Amino acid sequence: MKKIMLDCSRLKERDSMRDYMTEIFCIADEAGFTGNLDHLNDLLSEVTLDITLCVSFDGLEKAAETSFSWKVLRVLILAARENPHITVTVKSK
């Protein structure tokens, strides 16, 4: 199982989020992921590696700084609901 402490500061802009999600989920270049959130949701439905994404309270505050960050978190949470290989947790630190 892969465990990642999510860096919400990397979710604020489309390009940095695209690079970060590609890194975390090992999204192949062939997938053509451009940072579109609908496409991210589709790609996450295909994840077969067990992964836990941990979000700190500070991370949630950072995500609250932009609406795009909140949208990304929403996609991650919805993906975790639909894909048993993805888990999202909130940690105090």
Protein backbone atom coordinates (compact mmCIF):
# COMPACT_ATOMS: atom_id res chain seq x y z
CA MET A 1 0.00 0.00 0.00
CA LYS A 2 1.21 3.45 -0.91
CA LYS A 3 0.58 6.23 1.63
CA ILE A 4 0.83 9.89 0.61
CA MET A 5 0.54 13.01 2.76
CA LEU A 6 -1.28 15.21 0.27
CA ASP A 7 0.39 18.56 -0.41
CA CYS A 8 -2.68 20.73 -1.02
CA SER A 9 -0.53 23.66 -2.12
CA ARG A 10 0.11 21.66 -5.31
CA LEU A 11 -3.63 21.51 -6.04
CA LYS A 12 -4.16 25.27 -6.46
CA GLU A 13 -3.47 25.47 -10.20
CA ARG A 14 -4.27 23.09 -13.04
CA ASP A 15 -0.67 22.57 -14.22
CA SER A 16 0.78 21.86 -10.79
CA MET A 17 -2.18 19.59 -9.95
CA ARG A 18 -1.74 17.69 -13.22
CA ASP A 19 1.96 17.09 -12.49
CA TYR A 20 1.22 16.08 -8.89
CA MET A 21 -1.60 13.65 -9.76
CA THR A 22 0.55 12.16 -12.52
CA GLU A 23 3.31 11.61 -9.96
CA ILE A 24 1.06 10.17 -7.23
CA PHE A 25 -1.00 7.86 -9.43
CA CYS A 26 1.73 7.05 -11.99
CA ILE A 27 -0.47 8.28 -14.85
CA ALA A 28 1.17 7.31 -18.13
CA ASP A 29 1.89 9.96 -20.75
CA GLU A 30 -0.25 7.93 -23.13
CA ALA A 31 -3.31 8.75 -21.00
CA GLY A 32 -3.12 12.33 -22.28
CA PHE A 33 -4.02 13.82 -18.89
CA THR A 34 -4.18 17.60 -19.26
CA GLY A 35 -5.55 18.47 -15.84
CA ASN A 36 -9.22 18.17 -16.71
CA LEU A 37 -11.06 17.07 -13.57
CA ASP A 38 -13.55 14.83 -15.39
CA HIS A 39 -10.63 13.04 -17.01
CA LEU A 40 -8.92 12.75 -13.61
CA ASN A 41 -12.05 11.11 -12.22
CA ASP A 42 -12.07 8.64 -15.12
CA LEU A 43 -8.38 7.83 -14.60
CA LEU A 44 -8.86 7.32 -10.87
CA SER A 45 -11.62 4.81 -11.51
CA GLU A 46 -8.96 2.62 -13.14
CA VAL A 47 -6.41 2.74 -10.29
CA THR A 48 -5.58 -0.76 -9.05
CA LEU A 49 -2.75 0.12 -6.64
CA ASP A 50 -3.89 0.49 -3.03
CA ILE A 51 -3.23 4.10 -2.05
CA THR A 52 -4.13 6.19 0.98
CA LEU A 53 -4.17 9.96 0.61
CA CYS A 54 -3.83 11.75 3.94
CA VAL A 55 -4.91 15.38 4.23
CA SER A 56 -3.93 17.47 7.24
CA PHE A 57 -6.08 20.22 8.73
CA ASP A 58 -3.43 22.69 7.52
CA GLY A 59 -3.76 21.15 4.08
CA LEU A 60 -7.50 21.70 4.15
CA GLU A 61 -6.90 25.35 5.00
CA LYS A 62 -4.54 25.64 2.03
CA ALA A 63 -7.09 23.98 -0.22
CA ALA A 64 -9.72 26.47 0.93
CA GLU A 65 -7.65 29.27 -0.60
CA THR A 66 -8.85 28.44 -4.12
CA SER A 67 -12.03 26.95 -5.49
CA PHE A 68 -9.97 24.77 -7.85
CA SER A 69 -8.26 23.05 -4.90
CA TRP A 70 -11.66 22.24 -3.39
CA LYS A 71 -12.82 20.80 -6.70
CA VAL A 72 -9.74 18.57 -6.85
CA LEU A 73 -10.34 17.34 -3.30
CA ARG A 74 -13.95 16.62 -4.21
CA VAL A 75 -12.82 14.51 -7.19
CA LEU A 76 -10.40 12.60 -4.95
CA ILE A 77 -13.09 11.93 -2.35
CA LEU A 78 -15.62 10.81 -4.96
CA ALA A 79 -13.00 8.54 -6.52
CA ALA A 80 -12.36 7.00 -3.09
CA ARG A 81 -16.09 6.30 -2.74
CA GLU A 82 -16.17 4.48 -6.06
CA ASN A 83 -12.76 2.78 -6.10
CA PRO A 84 -11.87 0.51 -3.15
CA HIS A 85 -8.16 0.95 -3.92
CA ILE A 86 -8.24 4.65 -3.00
CA THR A 87 -8.71 5.95 0.53
CA VAL A 88 -8.76 9.58 1.69
CA THR A 89 -8.22 10.37 5.37
CA VAL A 90 -7.91 13.57 7.39
CA LYS A 91 -5.08 13.72 9.94
CA SER A 92 -4.57 16.30 12.64
CA LYS A 93 -0.87 16.63 11.76
